[in-house]
Amino acid sequence: MVQHEEHAEFVKQFWHTYLTQGTVPSETNHEWYESKIFRPFVRVLPSEPRCRICYYPFHGIGGMLARTFFGLVPSKMNPQLCNVCERFADRYQGGAEVELSLLFADVRGSTSIAEDMNPSEFSELIDRFYRVTTKILFRRNAFVEKLIGDEVTGFFVPGFAGQDHAKVAIEAGREILAATGHGKEQGPWIPVGVGVHTGIAYVGAISTGAGTSDIAVLGDNVNAAARIASRAGIGELLASEDAIAASGLDFSSEESRHLELKGRTAPVDIRVIRPGGSSH
């Protein structure tokens, strides 16, 4: 029983260190090639692109060596990072509560859009939305947890997106609106609403059956972020006051709203950020 509790505490500390600092505790058992001390040497291996954290290349002779000898390939959660985090999910079943920022991007009125298109055309439109949105999230070192229907979910943890993850998430949301054509004279090529929220959530490994594991984000703040996004109109980014306070950005001149969210007793204060809006 004592050993089980000690292991559970170690796993919790492992995930907390990994998610907040982007590294693992020194006492962790890991493969020699995963050690930070090798990163300066790995960085000179050809060729780009490569993992933005450990620098192992994905292409060229260096990429071939990384795949062949170490099994390193792009992560399914962010192809600009390698799959070491997914290996950790298999080795260390558990997780930790950390402060992070969450972004939900939804297509507005997708049912009506689908009615006016044949299935292939609608599929191509949604695929373009996925590609544009995830490219922005990946570039800002977010992890993409879900691609479901007409929605993309990304989360930003300090160890990868930086300590200013709330600011990064808000900027990513604004970039998504701009990239989908909001704020342009001709209008958006797809109508999108975005929600951003910052708070404590549980991040860790969950079993997906057949002996495999995946990384999930769970908790009340995840639900709050999803519901905030569901209330965003076309071309709106709704950022909670928690996210704005954590970001250090000044949106005091932007419209404020008090949202009643399902499952929450108290309203959530948000700011409405639109393309071309000001921030300081």
C-alpha atoms as a PDB file:
ATOM      1  CA  MET A   1       0.000   0.000   0.000  1.00  0.00           C
ATOM      2  CA  VAL A   2       2.825   2.377   0.931  1.00  0.00           C
ATOM      3  CA  GLN A   3       4.695   1.571  -2.288  1.00  0.00           C
ATOM      4  CA  HIS A   4       1.535   2.206  -4.303  1.00  0.00           C
ATOM      5  CA  GLU A   5       1.060   5.606  -2.663  1.00  0.00           C
ATOM      6  CA  GLU A   6       4.720   6.508  -3.230  1.00  0.00           C
ATOM      7  CA  HIS A   7       4.447   5.529  -6.902  1.00  0.00           C
ATOM      8  CA  ALA A   8       1.241   7.538  -7.319  1.00  0.00           C
ATOM      9  CA  GLU A   9       2.928  10.585  -5.792  1.00  0.00           C
ATOM     10  CA  PHE A  10       5.959  10.141  -8.050  1.00  0.00           C
ATOM     11  CA  VAL A  11       3.744   9.909 -11.151  1.00  0.00           C
ATOM     12  CA  LYS A  12       1.906  13.051 -10.067  1.00  0.00           C
ATOM     13  CA  GLN A  13       5.199  14.923  -9.599  1.00  0.00           C
ATOM     14  CA  PHE A  14       6.480  13.592 -12.917  1.00  0.00           C
ATOM     15  CA  TRP A  15       3.521  14.952 -14.851  1.00  0.00           C
ATOM     16  CA  HIS A  16       3.548  18.274 -12.978  1.00  0.00           C
ATOM     17  CA  THR A  17       7.235  18.829 -13.782  1.00  0.00           C
ATOM     18  CA  TYR A  18       6.828  17.744 -17.390  1.00  0.00           C
ATOM     19  CA  LEU A  19       3.792  19.970 -18.035  1.00  0.00           C
ATOM     20  CA  THR A  20       5.082  23.060 -16.253  1.00  0.00           C
ATOM     21  CA  GLN A  21       8.773  22.898 -17.161  1.00  0.00           C
ATOM     22  CA  GLY A  22       8.880  20.815 -20.335  1.00  0.00           C
ATOM     23  CA  THR A  23      11.305  18.341 -18.805  1.00  0.00           C
ATOM     24  CA  VAL A  24      11.170  15.319 -16.501  1.00  0.00           C
ATOM     25  CA  PRO A  25      12.435  14.920 -12.919  1.00  0.00           C
ATOM     26  CA  SER A  26      16.094  13.923 -12.772  1.00  0.00           C
ATOM     27  CA  GLU A  27      15.282  10.683 -10.955  1.00  0.00           C
ATOM     28  CA  THR A  28      12.948   9.526 -13.723  1.00  0.00           C
ATOM     29  CA  ASN A  29      13.869   6.352 -15.562  1.00  0.00           C
ATOM     30  CA  HIS A  30      13.976   7.306 -19.211  1.00  0.00           C
ATOM     31  CA  GLU A  31      15.873   6.339 -22.319  1.00  0.00           C
ATOM     32  CA  TRP A  32      19.350   7.813 -22.582  1.00  0.00           C
ATOM     33  CA  TYR A  33      18.553   9.593 -25.844  1.00  0.00           C
ATOM     34  CA  GLU A  34      15.676  11.468 -24.154  1.00  0.00           C
ATOM     35  CA  SER A  35      18.072  13.312 -21.818  1.00  0.00           C
ATOM     36  CA  LYS A  36      18.390  17.086 -22.178  1.00  0.00           C
ATOM     37  CA  ILE A  37      22.196  16.869 -22.221  1.00  0.00           C
ATOM     38  CA  PHE A  38      22.077  15.455 -25.740  1.00  0.00           C
ATOM     39  CA  ARG A  39      19.962  18.238 -27.216  1.00  0.00           C
ATOM     40  CA  PRO A  40      22.893  20.472 -28.328  1.00  0.00           C
ATOM     41  CA  PHE A  41      24.337  17.509 -30.253  1.00  0.00           C
ATOM     42  CA  VAL A  42      20.993  16.402 -31.671  1.00  0.00           C
ATOM     43  CA  ARG A  43      20.370  19.928 -32.938  1.00  0.00           C
ATOM     44  CA  VAL A  44      23.141  19.600 -35.530  1.00  0.00           C
ATOM     45  CA  LEU A  45      21.672  16.441 -37.080  1.00  0.00           C
ATOM     46  CA  PRO A  46      20.102  17.046 -40.513  1.00  0.00           C
ATOM     47  CA  SER A  47      17.450  18.089 -41.267  1.00  0.00           C
ATOM     48  CA  GLU A  48      14.444  20.351 -40.686  1.00  0.00           C
ATOM     49  CA  PRO A  49      11.711  20.065 -39.563  1.00  0.00           C
ATOM     50  CA  ARG A  50      12.522  18.739 -36.116  1.00  0.00           C
ATOM     51  CA  CYS A  51      10.956  18.452 -32.651  1.00  0.00           C
ATOM     52  CA  ARG A  52      10.729  21.934 -31.172  1.00  0.00           C
ATOM     53  CA  ILE A  53      11.563  20.605 -27.700  1.00  0.00           C
ATOM     54  CA  CYS A  54      14.230  17.896 -28.030  1.00  0.00           C
ATOM     55  CA  TYR A  55      15.388  18.816 -31.571  1.00  0.00           C
ATOM     56  CA  TYR A  56      15.360  15.304 -33.053  1.00  0.00           C
ATOM     57  CA  PRO A  57      14.813  15.717 -36.808  1.00  0.00           C
ATOM     58  CA  PHE A  58      11.892  14.185 -38.656  1.00  0.00           C
ATOM     59  CA  HIS A  59      13.307  14.317 -42.203  1.00  0.00           C
ATOM     60  CA  GLY A  60      16.606  13.624 -43.887  1.00  0.00           C
ATOM     61  CA  ILE A  61      19.251  11.209 -42.646  1.00  0.00           C
ATOM     62  CA  GLY A  62      18.801  12.451 -39.077  1.00  0.00           C
ATOM     63  CA  GLY A  63      15.087  11.739 -39.231  1.00  0.00           C
ATOM     64  CA  MET A  64      15.753   8.280 -40.618  1.00  0.00           C
ATOM     65  CA  LEU A  65      18.158   7.529 -37.749  1.00  0.00           C
ATOM     66  CA  ALA A  66      15.691   8.850 -35.141  1.00  0.00           C
ATOM     67  CA  ARG A  67      12.902   6.667 -36.548  1.00  0.00           C
ATOM     68  CA  THR A  68      15.014   3.557 -37.051  1.00  0.00           C
ATOM     69  CA  PHE A  69      16.945   3.448 -33.789  1.00  0.00           C
ATOM     70  CA  PHE A  70      14.711   5.361 -31.350  1.00  0.00           C
ATOM     71  CA  GLY A  71      11.233   5.129 -32.886  1.00  0.00           C
ATOM     72  CA  LEU A  72      10.848   8.915 -32.769  1.00  0.00           C
ATOM     73  CA  VAL A  73       8.143  10.334 -35.038  1.00  0.00           C
ATOM     74  CA  PRO A  74       5.927  13.431 -34.959  1.00  0.00           C
ATOM     75  CA  SER A  75       3.387  13.473 -32.145  1.00  0.00           C
ATOM     76  CA  LYS A  76      -0.245  12.957 -33.086  1.00  0.00           C
ATOM     77  CA  MET A  77      -1.140  15.830 -30.724  1.00  0.00           C
ATOM     78  CA  ASN A  78       1.310  18.279 -32.294  1.00  0.00           C
ATOM     79  CA  PRO A  79       3.424  17.178 -35.291  1.00  0.00           C
ATOM     80  CA  GLN A  80       5.989  19.859 -34.477  1.00  0.00           C
ATOM     81  CA  LEU A  81       6.854  17.817 -31.372  1.00  0.00           C
ATOM     82  CA  CYS A  82       7.981  14.196 -31.212  1.00  0.00           C
ATOM     83  CA  ASN A  83       6.107  11.295 -29.648  1.00  0.00           C
ATOM     84  CA  VAL A  84       8.080  11.168 -26.386  1.00  0.00           C
ATOM     85  CA  CYS A  85       5.083  12.523 -24.443  1.00  0.00           C
ATOM     86  CA  GLU A  86       2.912   9.709 -25.776  1.00  0.00           C
ATOM     87  CA  ARG A  87       5.507   7.209 -24.582  1.00  0.00           C
ATOM     88  CA  PHE A  88       5.377   8.820 -21.157  1.00  0.00           C
ATOM     89  CA  ALA A  89       1.615   8.289 -21.181  1.00  0.00           C
ATOM     90  CA  ASP A  90       2.214   4.556 -21.573  1.00  0.00           C
ATOM     91  CA  ARG A  91       4.926   4.419 -18.918  1.00  0.00           C
ATOM     92  CA  TYR A  92       3.311   6.645 -16.304  1.00  0.00           C
ATOM     93  CA  GLN A  93      -0.415   6.124 -15.894  1.00  0.00           C
ATOM     94  CA  GLY A  94      -1.668   9.196 -14.088  1.00  0.00           C
ATOM     95  CA  GLY A  95      -1.409  12.955 -14.315  1.00  0.00           C
ATOM     96  CA  ALA A  96      -1.394  16.232 -12.428  1.00  0.00           C
ATOM     97  CA  GLU A  97      -3.424  19.364 -11.927  1.00  0.00           C
ATOM     98  CA  VAL A  98      -1.799  22.378 -13.585  1.00  0.00           C
ATOM     99  CA  GLU A  99      -2.827  25.850 -14.658  1.00  0.00           C
ATOM    100  CA  LEU A 100      -3.243  25.990 -18.406  1.00  0.00           C
ATOM    101  CA  SER A 101      -5.165  27.821 -21.092  1.00  0.00           C
ATOM    102  CA  LEU A 102      -7.798  26.193 -23.274  1.00  0.00           C
ATOM    103  CA  LEU A 103      -9.016  27.228 -26.706  1.00  0.00           C
ATOM    104  CA  PHE A 104     -12.133  25.959 -28.461  1.00  0.00           C
ATOM    105  CA  ALA A 105     -12.827  26.994 -32.053  1.00  0.00           C
ATOM    106  CA  ASP A 106     -16.291  26.159 -33.411  1.00  0.00           C
ATOM    107  CA  VAL A 107     -17.845  26.520 -36.827  1.00  0.00           C
ATOM    108  CA  ARG A 108     -21.075  28.466 -36.413  1.00  0.00           C
ATOM    109  CA  GLY A 109     -24.176  27.210 -38.181  1.00  0.00           C
ATOM    110  CA  SER A 110     -22.488  24.157 -39.632  1.00  0.00           C
ATOM    111  CA  THR A 111     -25.805  22.323 -40.009  1.00  0.00           C
ATOM    112  CA  SER A 112     -27.178  25.061 -42.277  1.00  0.00           C
ATOM    113  CA  ILE A 113     -23.917  25.199 -44.209  1.00  0.00           C
ATOM    114  CA  ALA A 114     -24.038  21.447 -44.782  1.00  0.00           C
ATOM    115  CA  GLU A 115     -27.598  21.679 -46.123  1.00  0.00           C
ATOM    116  CA  ASP A 116     -26.415  23.971 -48.915  1.00  0.00           C
ATOM    117  CA  MET A 117     -23.477  21.758 -49.955  1.00  0.00           C
ATOM    118  CA  ASN A 118     -23.013  18.229 -51.139  1.00  0.00           C
ATOM    119  CA  PRO A 119     -21.159  15.974 -48.643  1.00  0.00           C
ATOM    120  CA  SER A 120     -17.831  16.175 -50.489  1.00  0.00           C
ATOM    121  CA  GLU A 121     -17.881  19.977 -50.606  1.00  0.00           C
ATOM    122  CA  PHE A 122     -18.738  20.190 -46.910  1.00  0.00           C
ATOM    123  CA  SER A 123     -15.996  17.713 -46.054  1.00  0.00           C
ATOM    124  CA  GLU A 124     -13.453  19.791 -47.970  1.00  0.00           C
ATOM    125  CA  LEU A 125     -14.568  22.952 -46.151  1.00  0.00           C
ATOM    126  CA  ILE A 126     -14.264  21.371 -42.704  1.00  0.00           C
ATOM    127  CA  ASP A 127     -10.913  19.810 -43.630  1.00  0.00           C
ATOM    128  CA  ARG A 128      -9.625  23.244 -44.652  1.00  0.00           C
ATOM    129  CA  PHE A 129     -10.847  24.633 -41.304  1.00  0.00           C
ATOM    130  CA  TYR A 130      -9.016  21.844 -39.459  1.00  0.00           C
ATOM    131  CA  ARG A 131      -5.787  22.433 -41.383  1.00  0.00           C
ATOM    132  CA  VAL A 132      -5.783  26.214 -40.944  1.00  0.00           C
ATOM    133  CA  THR A 133      -6.692  26.072 -37.258  1.00  0.00           C
ATOM    134  CA  THR A 134      -4.335  23.292 -36.214  1.00  0.00           C
ATOM    135  CA  LYS A 135      -1.435  24.869 -38.103  1.00  0.00           C
ATOM    136  CA  ILE A 136      -1.812  27.986 -35.949  1.00  0.00           C
ATOM    137  CA  LEU A 137      -2.113  25.961 -32.740  1.00  0.00           C
ATOM    138  CA  PHE A 138       0.869  23.777 -33.584  1.00  0.00           C
ATOM    139  CA  ARG A 139       3.038  26.786 -34.404  1.00  0.00           C
ATOM    140  CA  ARG A 140       2.269  28.192 -30.959  1.00  0.00           C
ATOM    141  CA  ASN A 141       3.198  24.913 -29.245  1.00  0.00           C
ATOM    142  CA  ALA A 142      -0.326  23.986 -28.214  1.00  0.00           C
ATOM    143  CA  PHE A 143      -1.512  20.413 -28.016  1.00  0.00           C
ATOM    144  CA  VAL A 144      -4.586  19.575 -30.048  1.00  0.00           C
ATOM    145  CA  GLU A 145      -6.723  17.237 -27.990  1.00  0.00           C
ATOM    146  CA  LYS A 146      -9.746  16.831 -30.233  1.00  0.00           C
ATOM    147  CA  LEU A 147     -10.976  17.231 -33.789  1.00  0.00           C
ATOM    148  CA  ILE A 148     -14.674  16.500 -33.484  1.00  0.00           C
ATOM    149  CA  GLY A 149     -17.304  17.449 -36.032  1.00  0.00           C
ATOM    150  CA  ASP A 150     -16.987  21.188 -36.514  1.00  0.00           C
ATOM    151  CA  GLU A 151     -14.779  21.913 -33.483  1.00  0.00           C
ATOM    152  CA  VAL A 152     -11.064  22.055 -32.695  1.00  0.00           C
ATOM    153  CA  THR A 153      -9.819  21.901 -29.100  1.00  0.00           C
ATOM    154  CA  GLY A 154      -6.324  22.988 -28.100  1.00  0.00           C
ATOM    155  CA  PHE A 155      -4.608  23.370 -24.755  1.00  0.00           C
ATOM    156  CA  PHE A 156      -1.556  25.389 -23.813  1.00  0.00           C
ATOM    157  CA  VAL A 157       0.620  24.240 -20.903  1.00  0.00           C
ATOM    158  CA  PRO A 158       3.499  26.299 -19.443  1.00  0.00           C
ATOM    159  CA  GLY A 159       6.185  23.712 -20.185  1.00  0.00           C
ATOM    160  CA  PHE A 160       5.585  23.971 -23.931  1.00  0.00           C
ATOM    161  CA  ALA A 161       3.619  27.147 -24.707  1.00  0.00           C
ATOM    162  CA  GLY A 162       5.521  29.170 -22.080  1.00  0.00           C
ATOM    163  CA  GLN A 163       4.594  30.844 -18.830  1.00  0.00           C
ATOM    164  CA  ASP A 164       2.563  33.399 -20.790  1.00  0.00           C
ATOM    165  CA  HIS A 165       0.314  30.623 -22.145  1.00  0.00           C
ATOM    166  CA  ALA A 166      -2.851  32.688 -21.631  1.00  0.00           C
ATOM    167  CA  LYS A 167      -1.498  35.454 -23.847  1.00  0.00           C
ATOM    168  CA  VAL A 168      -0.412  32.880 -26.430  1.00  0.00           C
ATOM    169  CA  ALA A 169      -3.881  31.290 -26.424  1.00  0.00           C
ATOM    170  CA  ILE A 170      -5.654  34.624 -26.919  1.00  0.00           C
ATOM    171  CA  GLU A 171      -3.279  35.591 -29.721  1.00  0.00           C
ATOM    172  CA  ALA A 172      -3.832  32.176 -31.338  1.00  0.00           C
ATOM    173  CA  GLY A 173      -7.593  32.721 -31.155  1.00  0.00           C
ATOM    174  CA  ARG A 174      -7.310  36.092 -32.847  1.00  0.00           C
ATOM    175  CA  GLU A 175      -5.082  34.581 -35.519  1.00  0.00           C
ATOM    176  CA  ILE A 176      -7.641  31.828 -36.177  1.00  0.00           C
ATOM    177  CA  LEU A 177     -10.355  34.428 -36.733  1.00  0.00           C
ATOM    178  CA  ALA A 178      -8.099  36.373 -39.091  1.00  0.00           C
ATOM    179  CA  ALA A 179      -7.051  33.237 -40.987  1.00  0.00           C
ATOM    180  CA  THR A 180     -10.679  32.252 -41.551  1.00  0.00           C
ATOM    181  CA  GLY A 181     -11.426  35.641 -43.074  1.00  0.00           C
ATOM    182  CA  HIS A 182     -13.185  37.442 -40.231  1.00  0.00           C
ATOM    183  CA  GLY A 183     -12.714  41.192 -40.294  1.00  0.00           C
ATOM    184  CA  LYS A 184     -12.174  41.210 -44.064  1.00  0.00           C
ATOM    185  CA  GLU A 185     -14.413  43.120 -46.437  1.00  0.00           C
ATOM    186  CA  GLN A 186     -15.479  40.004 -48.332  1.00  0.00           C
ATOM    187  CA  GLY A 187     -16.345  38.225 -45.086  1.00  0.00           C
ATOM    188  CA  PRO A 188     -15.163  34.866 -43.718  1.00  0.00           C
ATOM    189  CA  TRP A 189     -14.832  31.784 -45.880  1.00  0.00           C
ATOM    190  CA  ILE A 190     -16.187  29.847 -42.897  1.00  0.00           C
ATOM    191  CA  PRO A 191     -18.032  31.342 -39.883  1.00  0.00           C
ATOM    192  CA  VAL A 192     -16.134  30.684 -36.655  1.00  0.00           C
ATOM    193  CA  GLY A 193     -16.464  31.523 -32.961  1.00  0.00           C
ATOM    194  CA  VAL A 194     -13.653  31.052 -30.439  1.00  0.00           C
ATOM    195  CA  GLY A 195     -13.539  30.691 -26.660  1.00  0.00           C
ATOM    196  CA  VAL A 196     -10.439  30.974 -24.430  1.00  0.00           C
ATOM    197  CA  HIS A 197     -10.297  30.247 -20.711  1.00  0.00           C
ATOM    198  CA  THR A 198      -7.496  29.818 -18.166  1.00  0.00           C
ATOM    199  CA  GLY A 199      -7.648  27.735 -15.019  1.00  0.00           C
ATOM    200  CA  ILE A 200      -6.617  24.565 -13.243  1.00  0.00           C
ATOM    201  CA  ALA A 201      -7.272  21.276 -15.045  1.00  0.00           C
ATOM    202  CA  TYR A 202      -6.118  17.695 -14.800  1.00  0.00           C
ATOM    203  CA  VAL A 203      -3.771  16.595 -17.581  1.00  0.00           C
ATOM    204  CA  GLY A 204      -2.531  13.053 -17.841  1.00  0.00           C
ATOM    205  CA  ALA A 205      -2.715   9.583 -19.283  1.00  0.00           C
ATOM    206  CA  ILE A 206      -5.990   7.734 -19.655  1.00  0.00           C
ATOM    207  CA  SER A 207      -6.482   4.199 -20.887  1.00  0.00           C
ATOM    208  CA  THR A 208      -8.087   3.900 -24.315  1.00  0.00           C
ATOM    209  CA  GLY A 209      -8.310   0.097 -24.244  1.00  0.00           C
ATOM    210  CA  ALA A 210      -6.174  -2.659 -25.747  1.00  0.00           C
ATOM    211  CA  GLY A 211      -3.281  -1.602 -23.524  1.00  0.00           C
ATOM    212  CA  THR A 212      -2.870   1.833 -25.109  1.00  0.00           C
ATOM    213  CA  SER A 213      -2.944   5.242 -23.465  1.00  0.00           C
ATOM    214  CA  ASP A 214      -3.764   8.748 -24.553  1.00  0.00           C
ATOM    215  CA  ILE A 215      -3.362  12.188 -23.001  1.00  0.00           C
ATOM    216  CA  ALA A 216      -6.532  13.950 -21.933  1.00  0.00           C
ATOM    217  CA  VAL A 217      -7.512  17.221 -20.256  1.00  0.00           C
ATOM    218  CA  LEU A 218     -10.290  16.991 -17.689  1.00  0.00           C
ATOM    219  CA  GLY A 219     -12.120  19.164 -15.184  1.00  0.00           C
ATOM    220  CA  ASP A 220     -14.621  21.946 -14.648  1.00  0.00           C
ATOM    221  CA  ASN A 221     -12.481  24.555 -16.394  1.00  0.00           C
ATOM    222  CA  VAL A 222     -12.435  22.432 -19.552  1.00  0.00           C
ATOM    223  CA  ASN A 223     -16.225  22.351 -19.522  1.00  0.00           C
ATOM    224  CA  ALA A 224     -16.325  26.102 -18.879  1.00  0.00           C
ATOM    225  CA  ALA A 225     -14.049  26.789 -21.866  1.00  0.00           C
ATOM    226  CA  ALA A 226     -16.256  24.671 -24.138  1.00  0.00           C
ATOM    227  CA  ARG A 227     -19.408  26.446 -22.995  1.00  0.00           C
ATOM    228  CA  ILE A 228     -17.822  29.879 -23.368  1.00  0.00           C
ATOM    229  CA  ALA A 229     -16.915  28.978 -26.962  1.00  0.00           C
ATOM    230  CA  SER A 230     -20.471  27.785 -27.632  1.00  0.00           C
ATOM    231  CA  ARG A 231     -21.716  31.290 -26.818  1.00  0.00           C
ATOM    232  CA  ALA A 232     -19.342  33.053 -29.229  1.00  0.00           C
ATOM    233  CA  GLY A 233     -20.961  34.615 -32.264  1.00  0.00           C
ATOM    234  CA  ILE A 234     -19.511  34.651 -35.753  1.00  0.00           C
ATOM    235  CA  GLY A 235     -16.153  36.409 -35.686  1.00  0.00           C
ATOM    236  CA  GLU A 236     -16.090  36.670 -31.878  1.00  0.00           C
ATOM    237  CA  LEU A 237     -13.411  35.524 -29.496  1.00  0.00           C
ATOM    238  CA  LEU A 238     -14.839  35.262 -25.984  1.00  0.00           C
ATOM    239  CA  ALA A 239     -12.010  35.357 -23.452  1.00  0.00           C
ATOM    240  CA  SER A 240     -12.770  34.824 -19.784  1.00  0.00           C
ATOM    241  CA  GLU A 241     -11.586  37.445 -17.335  1.00  0.00           C
ATOM    242  CA  ASP A 242      -9.388  34.708 -15.840  1.00  0.00           C
ATOM    243  CA  ALA A 243      -7.634  34.297 -19.187  1.00  0.00           C
ATOM    244  CA  ILE A 244      -7.282  38.028 -19.707  1.00  0.00           C
ATOM    245  CA  ALA A 245      -5.914  38.583 -16.198  1.00  0.00           C
ATOM    246  CA  ALA A 246      -3.355  35.800 -16.711  1.00  0.00           C
ATOM    247  CA  SER A 247      -2.381  37.168 -20.136  1.00  0.00           C
ATOM    248  CA  GLY A 248      -1.492  40.650 -18.934  1.00  0.00           C
ATOM    249  CA  LEU A 249      -3.280  42.097 -21.968  1.00  0.00           C
ATOM    250  CA  ASP A 250      -5.595  45.083 -21.640  1.00  0.00           C
ATOM    251  CA  PHE A 251      -9.007  44.596 -23.202  1.00  0.00           C
ATOM    252  CA  SER A 252     -10.799  47.014 -20.877  1.00  0.00           C
ATOM    253  CA  SER A 253     -12.159  48.958 -23.854  1.00  0.00           C
ATOM    254  CA  GLU A 254     -13.782  45.825 -25.323  1.00  0.00           C
ATOM    255  CA  GLU A 255     -17.370  44.757 -24.706  1.00  0.00           C
ATOM    256  CA  SER A 256     -17.939  42.777 -21.499  1.00  0.00           C
ATOM    257  CA  ARG A 257     -20.623  40.161 -20.898  1.00  0.00           C
ATOM    258  CA  HIS A 258     -21.831  38.093 -17.963  1.00  0.00           C
ATOM    259  CA  LEU A 259     -22.573  34.586 -19.197  1.00  0.00           C
ATOM    260  CA  GLU A 260     -24.808  32.103 -17.441  1.00  0.00           C
ATOM    261  CA  LEU A 261     -23.211  28.750 -18.168  1.00  0.00           C
ATOM    262  CA  LYS A 262     -24.897  25.418 -17.732  1.00  0.00           C
ATOM    263  CA  GLY A 263     -23.693  23.671 -14.585  1.00  0.00           C
ATOM    264  CA  ARG A 264     -22.275  26.855 -13.030  1.00  0.00           C
ATOM    265  CA  THR A 265     -24.049  28.727 -10.263  1.00  0.00           C
ATOM    266  CA  ALA A 266     -22.238  32.038 -10.816  1.00  0.00           C
ATOM    267  CA  PRO A 267     -22.014  33.947 -14.121  1.00  0.00           C
ATOM    268  CA  VAL A 268     -18.686  34.003 -15.945  1.00  0.00           C
ATOM    269  CA  ASP A 269     -17.291  37.391 -16.934  1.00  0.00           C
ATOM    270  CA  ILE A 270     -15.862  37.557 -20.421  1.00  0.00           C
ATOM    271  CA  ARG A 271     -14.582  40.107 -22.913  1.00  0.00           C
ATOM    272  CA  VAL A 272     -15.622  40.061 -26.543  1.00  0.00           C
ATOM    273  CA  ILE A 273     -12.577  40.338 -28.788  1.00  0.00           C
ATOM    274  CA  ARG A 274     -13.118  40.863 -32.496  1.00  0.00           C
ATOM    275  CA  PRO A 275     -10.675  41.028 -35.410  1.00  0.00           C
ATOM    276  CA  GLY A 276      -8.924  44.370 -35.384  1.00  0.00           C
ATOM    277  CA  GLY A 277      -9.721  44.955 -31.710  1.00  0.00           C
ATOM    278  CA  SER A 278      -7.190  46.675 -29.490  1.00  0.00           C
ATOM    279  CA  SER A 279      -4.958  45.185 -26.806  1.00  0.00           C
ATOM    280  CA  HIS A 280      -2.061  46.576 -24.836  1.00  0.00           C
END
